[in-house]
């Protein structure tokens, strides 16, 4: 078993460490004249984005954000070619025709089967060793493992727990484990009766035997979850006491709430394995049995993955399985996503008092004070039970031994530009499902994001296999003393895959498209641009 120990300690990222991660300079206050008025009532953190010179872009925030650089390093915030975006008027077939500036370029997509990429010969950095990279869909984990052993694929994602031991003892294979930087949970939509009653939600939490569930369906490295933020990520509360497994108390609470004989509900279960739920059908059946034992008769329903996500976000589910995989190592990535200003309707709306805590935590720079805020937020979420955190799963990827340079990602999005295969220039990587779309800021599924990570490159990026922020399209950055004004200097000579220049105007075009709902190219796949809302708290003018 391969464990990256530098990922496991508590990642308290100070603003000083972030600023020293590269060749950036810290500017004194007079060095930047901030002409924009901060809107303290805005729910989003961005105040303005502007071109300073052909290779210089300035972003102004309305408050400091200790996780700002980490958010920008998310691969989906890599600019796309404005020429290409205009060609598709910001939507439509754009989801199947991505043009970025990353190390690989898009070639073709066979629905439900393969997505093929090829090396970007004009990439600004070291050229990938692979000429072609193919993502192949093999839904069943055991079938993926058999394909790997047979050599018909070179690597597979999300090894089934039952296959990990066999893969580790196979002399032809190499297994790489990731830290448990994810959360699998049972969502509860409190906008739908009877889940508007906190006693009912608490009864659901008390009905689940998490220890038994994790032991039965997850590898030994998985841990039962007491909260949304995983251990090892800043904002996790070590002292939070979880709800015990107590079906008797659950039945008593249901009786108090007016349901002595229980009630019927629908339990939504995704149809494909996820890193946080490698066997969602089995987890769903176990939850169904736990709920039945306290009087909640849950009918299991499912949809294809894209439809499932859309319907859950729209608030159509009663109880549902869902989860999140870390995109950067900070509590904001988990708590703001589900409970902040940009959250969707799956859990029944926001708690105003919780939103206040999250806004304060997201703008506090002192680590100790910040942790105290998140301790309060985690306790509030625990007590109100908008969902039942179930598991932080340590996922694993496996490759043939002739594949070199693999650096397992703590964010489940391996970069393939450092990877090579002995004796050939192509690699086939199998995963459990197809991408939903490749207009990446408007997608939230892992299958889309892992492809986007190869096609697009953000201003700053994560060093492969780590949580360290390093230069991307920006070769350096500067920040004002108040930590609200950031200036990024772009690399000269970078081109998009269609040959058009990557310059400040192109970067501003993309940010305005993502941020401004009134922008004519703010169309996207669904039009919600969920990743922007999750990370930056809202859109222009909100």
Protein backbone atom coordinates (compact mmCIF):
# COMPACT_ATOMS: atom_id res chain seq x y z
CA UNK A 1 0.00 0.00 0.00
CA UNK A 2 1.32 3.35 -1.00
CA UNK A 3 0.41 6.24 1.29
CA UNK A 4 1.51 9.82 0.75
CA UNK A 5 2.20 10.81 4.31
CA UNK A 6 2.59 14.49 3.51
CA UNK A 7 -1.12 14.54 2.75
CA UNK A 8 -2.32 13.03 5.98
CA UNK A 9 -1.59 15.64 8.71
CA UNK A 10 -3.99 18.47 9.29
CA UNK A 11 -3.53 20.82 6.37
CA UNK A 12 -3.66 24.21 8.05
CA UNK A 13 -2.78 26.37 5.09
CA UNK A 14 -1.63 29.79 6.22
CA UNK A 15 -1.77 32.70 3.84
CA UNK A 16 1.97 33.04 4.23
CA UNK A 17 2.57 29.53 2.93
CA UNK A 18 0.34 30.21 -0.02
CA UNK A 19 2.17 33.37 -0.90
CA UNK A 20 5.56 31.69 -0.71
CA UNK A 21 4.53 28.79 -2.95
CA UNK A 22 5.98 30.47 -6.00
CA UNK A 23 8.00 33.48 -7.18
CA UNK A 24 5.23 35.91 -6.39
CA UNK A 25 5.94 39.15 -4.53
CA UNK A 26 3.97 40.80 -1.76
CA UNK A 27 3.09 44.36 -2.66
CA UNK A 28 2.85 47.20 -0.23
CA UNK A 29 -0.53 48.90 -0.07
CA UNK A 30 0.43 51.91 -2.25
CA UNK A 31 1.62 49.61 -5.05
CA UNK A 32 -1.93 48.86 -6.19
CA UNK A 33 -4.61 51.48 -6.44
CA UNK A 34 -7.95 49.78 -5.86
CA UNK A 35 -10.56 51.81 -7.73
CA UNK A 36 -13.43 49.43 -7.07
CA UNK A 37 -15.79 49.89 -4.16
CA UNK A 38 -16.16 46.78 -2.05
CA UNK A 39 -19.75 45.59 -1.84
CA UNK A 40 -20.05 44.15 1.65
CA UNK A 41 -23.58 42.91 0.91
CA UNK A 42 -22.50 40.75 -2.04
CA UNK A 43 -22.73 37.02 -1.40
CA UNK A 44 -19.93 36.36 -3.90
CA UNK A 45 -16.31 37.17 -3.15
CA UNK A 46 -15.30 38.61 -6.53
CA UNK A 47 -15.65 42.36 -7.01
CA UNK A 48 -13.93 42.84 -10.36
CA UNK A 49 -11.76 41.21 -13.00
CA UNK A 50 -9.81 43.32 -15.46
CA UNK A 51 -6.96 43.28 -17.93
CA UNK A 52 -4.00 45.38 -16.76
CA UNK A 53 -1.76 44.64 -19.75
CA UNK A 54 -1.80 42.06 -22.55
CA UNK A 55 -0.28 39.53 -20.13
CA UNK A 56 -1.57 40.78 -16.78
CA UNK A 57 -4.93 40.22 -15.08
CA UNK A 58 -6.20 41.69 -11.83
CA UNK A 59 -8.84 40.05 -9.61
CA UNK A 60 -10.30 42.06 -6.73
CA UNK A 61 -12.13 40.37 -3.84
CA UNK A 62 -14.55 41.98 -1.43
CA UNK A 63 -12.88 40.20 1.48
CA UNK A 64 -9.73 38.14 2.02
CA UNK A 65 -10.09 34.45 1.27
CA UNK A 66 -7.47 32.11 2.79
CA UNK A 67 -8.39 29.40 0.26
CA UNK A 68 -8.43 31.67 -2.82
CA UNK A 69 -5.37 30.28 -4.58
CA UNK A 70 -6.47 26.73 -3.89
CA UNK A 71 -9.85 27.45 -5.45
CA UNK A 72 -8.23 28.93 -8.56
CA UNK A 73 -6.11 25.77 -8.89
CA UNK A 74 -9.19 23.65 -9.56
CA UNK A 75 -8.66 22.45 -13.17
CA UNK A 76 -12.11 23.50 -14.36
CA UNK A 77 -11.13 27.13 -13.90
CA UNK A 78 -8.79 26.79 -16.85
CA UNK A 79 -9.75 29.29 -19.58
CA UNK A 80 -11.24 28.05 -22.82
CA UNK A 81 -10.66 29.56 -26.23
CA UNK A 82 -12.96 32.60 -26.64
CA UNK A 83 -13.08 31.89 -30.38
CA UNK A 84 -14.42 28.40 -29.71
CA UNK A 85 -16.87 29.58 -27.05
CA UNK A 86 -18.24 32.24 -29.41
CA UNK A 87 -18.57 29.64 -32.18
CA UNK A 88 -20.96 27.63 -30.02
CA UNK A 89 -22.55 30.79 -28.51
CA UNK A 90 -21.52 29.64 -25.05
CA UNK A 91 -23.67 26.49 -25.04
CA UNK A 92 -25.10 23.71 -27.18
CA UNK A 93 -22.38 21.49 -28.61
CA UNK A 94 -19.70 23.32 -26.64
CA UNK A 95 -19.95 20.54 -24.03
CA UNK A 96 -18.57 18.14 -26.67
CA UNK A 97 -16.06 20.45 -28.27
CA UNK A 98 -13.76 21.77 -25.54
CA UNK A 99 -10.73 23.86 -26.50
CA UNK A 100 -8.32 24.66 -23.68
CA UNK A 101 -4.61 25.28 -23.25
CA UNK A 102 -3.70 22.16 -21.27
CA UNK A 103 -1.24 19.37 -22.05
CA UNK A 104 -3.82 17.30 -23.97
CA UNK A 105 -6.35 18.31 -26.59
CA UNK A 106 -9.77 16.82 -27.24
CA UNK A 107 -10.15 14.47 -30.26
CA UNK A 108 -13.44 12.56 -30.08
CA UNK A 109 -16.18 11.23 -27.83
CA UNK A 110 -18.02 7.95 -28.36
CA UNK A 111 -21.04 8.18 -26.07
CA UNK A 112 -20.98 5.77 -23.17
CA UNK A 113 -17.71 4.27 -24.33
CA UNK A 114 -14.58 6.37 -24.84
CA UNK A 115 -13.20 9.90 -24.83
CA UNK A 116 -9.93 10.28 -26.72
CA UNK A 117 -7.36 13.00 -26.18
CA UNK A 118 -4.05 13.63 -27.91
CA UNK A 119 -0.84 15.35 -26.90
CA UNK A 120 -0.80 19.14 -27.27
CA UNK A 121 2.34 19.62 -29.36
CA UNK A 122 2.30 23.35 -28.57
CA UNK A 123 2.05 22.93 -24.80
CA UNK A 124 4.11 25.55 -22.97
CA UNK A 125 5.65 23.03 -20.54
CA UNK A 126 7.34 19.66 -20.99
CA UNK A 127 5.44 17.73 -23.66
CA UNK A 128 3.49 14.69 -22.40
CA UNK A 129 5.16 11.36 -23.16
CA UNK A 130 1.79 9.97 -24.25
CA UNK A 131 0.65 10.70 -27.79
CA UNK A 132 -2.92 9.64 -27.02
CA UNK A 133 -4.91 9.21 -23.82
CA UNK A 134 -8.23 7.35 -23.86
CA UNK A 135 -10.84 7.26 -21.10
CA UNK A 136 -12.93 4.10 -21.41
CA UNK A 137 -16.18 3.30 -19.59
CA UNK A 138 -16.38 -0.07 -17.84
CA UNK A 139 -19.20 0.23 -15.35
CA UNK A 140 -18.64 -2.79 -13.14
CA UNK A 141 -15.57 -2.57 -10.84
CA UNK A 142 -14.76 -6.28 -11.18
CA UNK A 143 -14.94 -6.04 -14.98
CA UNK A 144 -12.51 -3.11 -14.87
CA UNK A 145 -10.14 -5.16 -12.74
CA UNK A 146 -10.32 -8.13 -15.12
CA UNK A 147 -9.61 -5.82 -18.07
CA UNK A 148 -6.55 -4.48 -16.27
CA UNK A 149 -5.26 -7.97 -15.54
CA UNK A 150 -5.83 -8.95 -19.16
CA UNK A 151 -3.92 -5.91 -20.37
CA UNK A 152 -6.77 -4.47 -22.46
CA UNK A 153 -6.54 -1.31 -20.36
CA UNK A 154 -3.47 0.26 -18.75
CA UNK A 155 -5.07 1.70 -15.63
CA UNK A 156 -8.36 1.71 -13.75
CA UNK A 157 -10.06 4.07 -11.36
CA UNK A 158 -11.84 3.21 -8.15
CA UNK A 159 -10.80 -0.36 -7.42
CA UNK A 160 -13.58 -2.31 -5.71
CA UNK A 161 -12.78 -2.95 -2.02
CA UNK A 162 -12.92 -6.70 -2.65
CA UNK A 163 -10.30 -6.42 -5.43
CA UNK A 164 -7.68 -4.30 -3.66
CA UNK A 165 -5.89 -7.20 -1.94
CA UNK A 166 -5.72 -9.23 -5.15
CA UNK A 167 -4.38 -6.24 -7.08
CA UNK A 168 -1.69 -5.61 -4.46
CA UNK A 169 -0.40 -9.17 -4.74
CA UNK A 170 -0.41 -9.25 -8.55
CA UNK A 171 3.22 -8.86 -9.75
CA UNK A 172 2.07 -7.14 -12.94
CA UNK A 173 0.13 -4.39 -11.20
CA UNK A 174 0.82 -1.35 -9.04
CA UNK A 175 -1.81 -0.03 -6.63
CA UNK A 176 -1.90 3.60 -5.49
CA UNK A 177 -4.12 4.68 -2.62
CA UNK A 178 -5.52 8.16 -2.14
CA UNK A 179 -6.22 9.80 1.22
CA UNK A 180 -9.89 9.73 2.29
CA UNK A 181 -10.51 13.29 1.11
CA UNK A 182 -14.17 12.75 0.34
CA UNK A 183 -17.55 12.39 1.99
CA UNK A 184 -20.36 9.97 1.21
CA UNK A 185 -23.62 10.94 2.87
CA UNK A 186 -27.32 10.24 3.11
CA UNK A 187 -29.01 13.50 2.13
CA UNK A 188 -32.28 14.56 3.75
CA UNK A 189 -34.45 17.11 1.97
CA UNK A 190 -36.00 19.12 4.79
CA UNK A 191 -38.22 20.98 2.30
CA UNK A 192 -40.22 17.75 1.91
CA UNK A 193 -42.46 16.48 4.70
CA UNK A 194 -41.98 14.84 7.13
CA UNK A 195 -38.28 15.72 6.95
CA UNK A 196 -39.02 19.34 7.83
CA UNK A 197 -39.22 18.10 11.44
CA UNK A 198 -35.73 17.92 13.02
CA UNK A 199 -36.86 14.98 15.19
CA UNK A 200 -37.47 12.94 12.04
CA UNK A 201 -34.04 13.84 10.67
CA UNK A 202 -32.44 12.92 13.99
CA UNK A 203 -34.29 9.60 13.93
CA UNK A 204 -32.78 8.89 10.50
CA UNK A 205 -29.30 9.58 11.88
CA UNK A 206 -29.88 7.31 14.89
CA UNK A 207 -31.11 4.46 12.68
CA UNK A 208 -27.85 3.99 10.74
CA UNK A 209 -25.12 1.67 11.99
CA UNK A 210 -22.18 3.44 10.36
CA UNK A 211 -19.49 1.17 11.79
CA UNK A 212 -21.23 -1.92 10.41
CA UNK A 213 -21.87 -0.22 7.07
CA UNK A 214 -18.25 0.85 6.58
CA UNK A 215 -16.86 -2.51 7.63
CA UNK A 216 -19.16 -4.37 5.23
CA UNK A 217 -18.81 -2.31 2.06
CA UNK A 218 -15.57 -0.35 2.21
CA UNK A 219 -11.84 -1.11 2.40
CA UNK A 220 -10.08 -1.14 5.81
CA UNK A 221 -8.65 2.33 5.13
CA UNK A 222 -12.14 3.92 5.04
CA UNK A 223 -13.44 5.66 8.17
CA UNK A 224 -16.96 6.29 9.42
CA UNK A 225 -17.86 9.97 9.08
CA UNK A 226 -19.12 12.18 11.87
CA UNK A 227 -19.13 15.36 9.74
CA UNK A 228 -18.76 16.63 6.20
CA UNK A 229 -15.13 17.80 6.37
CA UNK A 230 -12.77 14.78 6.24
CA UNK A 231 -9.89 14.24 8.68
CA UNK A 232 -6.70 15.79 7.34
CA UNK A 233 -8.48 18.79 5.81
CA UNK A 234 -8.55 22.13 7.58
CA UNK A 235 -11.82 22.68 9.43
CA UNK A 236 -12.36 19.09 10.58
CA UNK A 237 -13.49 19.00 14.24
CA UNK A 238 -11.64 16.26 16.11
CA UNK A 239 -13.84 16.46 19.20
CA UNK A 240 -17.27 16.28 17.55
CA UNK A 241 -19.33 13.44 19.04
CA UNK A 242 -21.42 11.65 16.44
CA UNK A 243 -24.97 10.36 16.72
CA UNK A 244 -24.85 6.81 18.12
CA UNK A 245 -26.58 3.86 16.53
CA UNK A 246 -29.78 3.73 18.58
CA UNK A 247 -32.88 2.43 16.74
CA UNK A 248 -34.92 2.47 19.95
CA UNK A 249 -34.35 6.18 20.42
CA UNK A 250 -35.06 6.70 16.71
CA UNK A 251 -38.48 5.05 17.04
CA UNK A 252 -39.25 7.19 20.10
CA UNK A 253 -38.39 10.38 18.21
CA UNK A 254 -40.62 9.36 15.31
CA UNK A 255 -43.47 8.77 17.75
CA UNK A 256 -42.90 12.22 19.28
CA UNK A 257 -43.03 13.72 15.80
CA UNK A 258 -46.41 12.05 15.16
CA UNK A 259 -45.27 8.95 13.29
CA UNK A 260 -45.57 6.06 15.79
CA UNK A 261 -46.08 3.64 12.90
CA UNK A 262 -43.46 5.23 10.72
CA UNK A 263 -44.07 6.42 7.16
CA UNK A 264 -43.17 5.78 3.53
CA UNK A 265 -40.45 7.60 1.61
CA UNK A 266 -38.25 7.23 -1.45
CA UNK A 267 -34.53 6.56 -1.15
CA UNK A 268 -32.58 7.68 -4.21
CA UNK A 269 -29.46 5.64 -5.03
CA UNK A 270 -27.06 6.46 -7.87
CA UNK A 271 -26.65 3.82 -10.54
CA UNK A 272 -22.86 3.95 -10.82
CA UNK A 273 -20.08 3.57 -8.28
CA UNK A 274 -18.46 6.67 -6.89
CA UNK A 275 -15.18 7.04 -4.97
CA UNK A 276 -17.20 7.64 -1.81
CA UNK A 277 -19.68 4.83 -2.67
CA UNK A 278 -17.94 2.12 -4.72
CA UNK A 279 -21.02 -0.13 -4.23
CA UNK A 280 -23.96 2.29 -3.98
CA UNK A 281 -26.58 -0.39 -4.58
CA UNK A 282 -25.39 -2.44 -1.60
CA UNK A 283 -25.14 0.67 0.59
CA UNK A 284 -28.65 1.65 -0.48
CA UNK A 285 -30.05 -1.76 0.41
CA UNK A 286 -28.38 -1.64 3.83
CA UNK A 287 -29.80 1.82 4.51
CA UNK A 288 -33.21 0.61 3.40
CA UNK A 289 -33.01 -2.15 6.01
CA UNK A 290 -31.83 0.22 8.77
CA UNK A 291 -34.70 2.60 8.03
CA UNK A 292 -37.26 -0.20 7.91
CA UNK A 293 -36.16 -1.31 11.37
CA UNK A 294 -37.38 2.01 12.82
CA UNK A 295 -40.56 2.17 10.73
CA UNK A 296 -39.46 4.16 7.65
CA UNK A 297 -40.40 2.15 4.55
CA UNK A 298 -38.02 3.46 1.90
CA UNK A 299 -38.54 2.58 -1.77
CA UNK A 300 -35.27 2.67 -3.72
CA UNK A 301 -35.28 4.60 -7.00
CA UNK A 302 -32.45 5.48 -9.37
CA UNK A 303 -31.68 7.27 -12.63
CA UNK A 304 -28.75 7.59 -14.99
CA UNK A 305 -26.01 9.67 -13.35
CA UNK A 306 -26.59 12.94 -15.20
CA UNK A 307 -30.34 12.85 -14.61
CA UNK A 308 -29.83 11.78 -11.00
CA UNK A 309 -27.63 14.79 -10.28
CA UNK A 310 -29.99 17.21 -11.98
CA UNK A 311 -33.06 15.95 -10.15
CA UNK A 312 -31.34 15.77 -6.75
CA UNK A 313 -30.03 19.33 -7.10
CA UNK A 314 -33.52 20.48 -8.02
CA UNK A 315 -34.81 19.16 -4.68
CA UNK A 316 -36.90 16.27 -6.06
CA UNK A 317 -35.55 13.59 -3.70
CA UNK A 318 -36.69 12.74 -0.16
CA UNK A 319 -33.64 10.78 0.95
CA UNK A 320 -30.69 10.33 -1.37
CA UNK A 321 -27.11 9.13 -1.57
CA UNK A 322 -24.60 11.73 -2.63
CA UNK A 323 -21.10 12.82 -1.86
CA UNK A 324 -18.22 15.11 -2.61
CA UNK A 325 -14.57 14.66 -3.48
CA UNK A 326 -12.13 17.32 -2.33
CA UNK A 327 -11.02 19.76 -5.00
CA UNK A 328 -8.80 21.65 -2.56
CA UNK A 329 -7.87 21.02 1.09
CA UNK A 330 -10.11 23.41 3.00
CA UNK A 331 -13.44 23.23 4.83
CA UNK A 332 -14.93 25.74 2.39
CA UNK A 333 -14.78 23.06 -0.31
CA UNK A 334 -17.19 20.88 1.68
CA UNK A 335 -19.29 23.18 3.84
CA UNK A 336 -19.76 26.07 1.41
CA UNK A 337 -20.64 23.61 -1.34
CA UNK A 338 -23.59 22.16 0.55
CA UNK A 339 -24.54 24.91 2.99
CA UNK A 340 -23.17 28.19 1.61
CA UNK A 341 -24.61 30.88 -0.62
CA UNK A 342 -23.98 28.85 -3.77
CA UNK A 343 -25.56 25.63 -2.50
CA UNK A 344 -28.28 23.89 -4.52
CA UNK A 345 -31.73 22.83 -3.33
CA UNK A 346 -30.98 19.20 -2.59
CA UNK A 347 -31.00 19.58 1.22
CA UNK A 348 -33.99 21.89 1.37
CA UNK A 349 -32.43 25.33 1.47
CA UNK A 350 -29.90 27.16 3.59
CA UNK A 351 -29.78 27.88 7.32
CA UNK A 352 -29.21 31.65 7.70
CA UNK A 353 -27.26 31.27 10.94
CA UNK A 354 -25.03 28.61 9.40
CA UNK A 355 -24.40 30.78 6.33
CA UNK A 356 -23.23 33.54 8.66
CA UNK A 357 -20.70 31.17 10.27
CA UNK A 358 -19.43 30.04 6.88
CA UNK A 359 -19.06 33.60 5.59
CA UNK A 360 -17.09 34.49 8.72
CA UNK A 361 -14.92 31.37 8.45
CA UNK A 362 -14.23 32.00 4.78
CA UNK A 363 -12.92 35.50 5.49
CA UNK A 364 -10.91 34.80 8.67
CA UNK A 365 -7.14 34.48 8.22
CA UNK A 366 -6.06 33.44 11.72
CA UNK A 367 -6.04 29.63 11.70
CA UNK A 368 -7.02 29.17 15.36
CA UNK A 369 -9.94 31.58 15.16
CA UNK A 370 -10.98 30.01 11.89
CA UNK A 371 -10.96 26.52 13.36
CA UNK A 372 -13.19 27.70 16.19
CA UNK A 373 -15.73 28.99 13.67
CA UNK A 374 -15.77 25.68 11.83
CA UNK A 375 -16.12 23.78 15.10
CA UNK A 376 -19.34 25.73 15.71
CA UNK A 377 -20.49 25.16 12.12
CA UNK A 378 -19.83 21.43 12.29
CA UNK A 379 -21.77 21.17 15.56
CA UNK A 380 -24.69 23.10 14.07
CA UNK A 381 -24.83 20.79 11.04
CA UNK A 382 -24.62 17.73 13.30
CA UNK A 383 -27.48 18.91 15.49
CA UNK A 384 -29.79 19.97 12.64
CA UNK A 385 -29.11 16.83 10.56
CA UNK A 386 -29.68 18.13 7.02
CA UNK A 387 -27.83 14.93 6.04
CA UNK A 388 -26.19 11.93 7.68
CA UNK A 389 -22.43 11.81 6.96
CA UNK A 390 -21.58 8.14 6.41
CA UNK A 391 -18.02 7.55 5.22
CA UNK A 392 -14.68 9.01 4.18
CA UNK A 393 -13.39 6.40 1.76
CA UNK A 394 -9.76 5.89 0.81
CA UNK A 395 -9.99 5.07 -2.88
CA UNK A 396 -7.41 3.29 -4.97
CA UNK A 397 -6.26 3.35 -8.58
CA UNK A 398 -4.28 0.57 -10.23
CA UNK A 399 -2.00 0.47 -13.28
CA UNK A 400 0.05 -2.05 -15.16
CA UNK A 401 3.64 -2.12 -13.91
CA UNK A 402 4.93 -0.74 -17.23
CA UNK A 403 3.09 2.54 -16.58
CA UNK A 404 5.53 4.99 -15.00
CA UNK A 405 5.16 8.43 -13.45
CA UNK A 406 1.77 7.89 -11.82
CA UNK A 407 1.22 10.32 -8.97
CA UNK A 408 -2.10 9.54 -7.26
CA UNK A 409 -4.16 12.65 -6.75
CA UNK A 410 -5.59 13.55 -3.34
CA UNK A 411 -8.44 15.05 -5.38
CA UNK A 412 -9.08 11.90 -7.48
CA UNK A 413 -8.03 13.68 -10.68
CA UNK A 414 -4.69 12.27 -11.77
CA UNK A 415 -2.65 14.38 -14.17
CA UNK A 416 -1.35 12.30 -17.07
CA UNK A 417 1.25 14.65 -18.51
CA UNK A 418 4.03 13.11 -16.33
CA UNK A 419 2.97 9.53 -17.22
CA UNK A 420 4.61 7.19 -19.73
CA UNK A 421 4.11 3.57 -20.80
CA UNK A 422 7.07 1.37 -21.66
CA UNK A 423 7.13 0.48 -25.34
CA UNK A 424 4.14 2.53 -26.48
CA UNK A 425 2.86 6.07 -26.65
CA UNK A 426 -0.78 5.58 -25.69
CA UNK A 427 -2.67 4.79 -22.48
CA UNK A 428 -6.21 3.55 -21.84
CA UNK A 429 -7.71 4.42 -18.47
CA UNK A 430 -10.98 2.73 -17.45
CA UNK A 431 -13.56 4.32 -15.17
CA UNK A 432 -17.06 3.52 -13.99
CA UNK A 433 -19.04 6.08 -15.95
CA UNK A 434 -19.00 8.53 -18.83
CA UNK A 435 -18.52 12.27 -18.55
CA UNK A 436 -21.66 14.39 -18.41
CA UNK A 437 -20.13 17.28 -20.37
CA UNK A 438 -16.88 19.15 -20.92
CA UNK A 439 -17.94 22.77 -20.42
CA UNK A 440 -16.19 22.26 -17.17
CA UNK A 441 -17.27 25.06 -14.85
CA UNK A 442 -20.85 23.97 -15.51
CA UNK A 443 -20.19 20.33 -14.60
CA UNK A 444 -19.71 18.83 -11.15
CA UNK A 445 -19.31 15.09 -11.79
CA UNK A 446 -15.88 13.52 -11.33
CA UNK A 447 -15.93 11.84 -14.75
CA UNK A 448 -16.16 15.24 -16.43
CA UNK A 449 -13.61 16.87 -14.15
CA UNK A 450 -10.93 14.20 -14.62
CA UNK A 451 -11.01 14.77 -18.39
CA UNK A 452 -11.13 18.54 -17.97
CA UNK A 453 -7.95 18.34 -15.87
CA UNK A 454 -6.04 17.22 -18.98
CA UNK A 455 -7.60 19.68 -21.48
CA UNK A 456 -7.70 22.88 -19.47
CA UNK A 457 -5.09 24.60 -17.36
CA UNK A 458 -5.89 27.22 -14.71
CA UNK A 459 -3.83 30.25 -13.72
CA UNK A 460 -2.32 28.24 -10.88
CA UNK A 461 -2.44 24.47 -10.43
CA UNK A 462 -1.73 21.69 -8.00
CA UNK A 463 1.61 19.95 -8.23
CA UNK A 464 0.80 16.37 -9.30
CA UNK A 465 0.16 14.08 -6.36
CA UNK A 466 0.10 16.89 -3.78
CA UNK A 467 -1.94 19.78 -2.41
CA UNK A 468 0.82 22.29 -3.24
CA UNK A 469 -0.17 25.26 -5.41
CA UNK A 470 2.33 25.99 -8.22
CA UNK A 471 2.28 28.21 -11.32
CA UNK A 472 0.04 27.27 -14.21
CA UNK A 473 -0.82 29.66 -17.01
CA UNK A 474 0.32 32.45 -14.70
CA UNK A 475 4.07 32.35 -14.17
CA UNK A 476 3.80 34.53 -11.07
CA UNK A 477 1.31 36.47 -8.97
CA UNK A 478 1.23 39.41 -6.61
CA UNK A 479 -1.12 40.35 -3.79
CA UNK A 480 -1.86 43.57 -1.96
CA UNK A 481 -1.34 43.98 1.78
CA UNK A 482 -5.07 43.68 2.45
CA UNK A 483 -5.03 40.34 0.57
CA UNK A 484 -7.93 41.38 -1.62
CA UNK A 485 -6.23 42.43 -4.86
CA UNK A 486 -4.46 39.73 -6.85
CA UNK A 487 -2.47 40.37 -10.02
CA UNK A 488 -1.47 37.43 -12.22
CA UNK A 489 1.22 37.64 -14.90
CA UNK A 490 0.62 35.18 -17.72
CA UNK A 491 3.23 33.12 -19.52
CA UNK A 492 4.12 34.64 -22.88
CA UNK A 493 3.50 32.71 -26.08
CA UNK A 494 0.87 30.28 -24.76
CA UNK A 495 -1.77 29.21 -27.28
CA UNK A 496 -5.11 27.50 -27.04
CA UNK A 497 -5.50 24.21 -28.88
CA UNK A 498 -7.08 26.06 -31.83
CA UNK A 499 -3.97 28.20 -32.21
CA UNK A 500 -5.47 31.42 -30.81
CA UNK A 501 -3.42 33.28 -28.18
CA UNK A 502 -3.87 32.87 -24.46
CA UNK A 503 -3.68 36.45 -23.21
CA UNK A 504 -5.23 38.65 -20.55
CA UNK A 505 -8.20 39.47 -22.73
CA UNK A 506 -8.98 35.74 -23.08
CA UNK A 507 -8.71 35.21 -19.32
CA UNK A 508 -11.03 38.13 -18.58
CA UNK A 509 -13.48 36.83 -21.22
CA UNK A 510 -13.69 33.49 -19.40
CA UNK A 511 -14.05 34.94 -15.91
CA UNK A 512 -16.78 37.29 -17.09
CA UNK A 513 -18.57 34.39 -18.78
CA UNK A 514 -18.48 32.32 -15.60
CA UNK A 515 -19.26 35.13 -13.18
CA UNK A 516 -21.83 37.33 -14.94
CA UNK A 517 -25.26 35.82 -15.56
CA UNK A 518 -25.98 38.68 -17.96
CA UNK A 519 -23.01 37.77 -20.15
CA UNK A 520 -24.26 36.51 -23.53
CA UNK A 521 -21.97 33.47 -23.28
CA UNK A 522 -23.12 32.49 -19.78
CA UNK A 523 -25.10 29.60 -21.27
CA UNK A 524 -23.17 26.46 -20.44
CA UNK A 525 -24.60 22.96 -20.20
CA UNK A 526 -27.26 23.49 -17.54
CA UNK A 527 -26.67 27.21 -17.13
CA UNK A 528 -26.11 26.90 -13.39
CA UNK A 529 -22.29 27.08 -13.54
CA UNK A 530 -22.30 25.14 -10.30
CA UNK A 531 -18.55 25.10 -9.67
CA UNK A 532 -18.35 28.89 -9.75
CA UNK A 533 -21.28 29.22 -7.37
CA UNK A 534 -19.83 26.62 -5.01
CA UNK A 535 -16.38 28.19 -4.78
CA UNK A 536 -16.99 31.90 -5.11
CA UNK A 537 -20.33 32.20 -3.30
CA UNK A 538 -22.45 33.63 -6.07
CA UNK A 539 -22.56 35.62 -9.27
CA UNK A 540 -22.12 39.21 -10.34
CA UNK A 541 -24.78 41.51 -8.90
CA UNK A 542 -26.18 38.98 -6.42
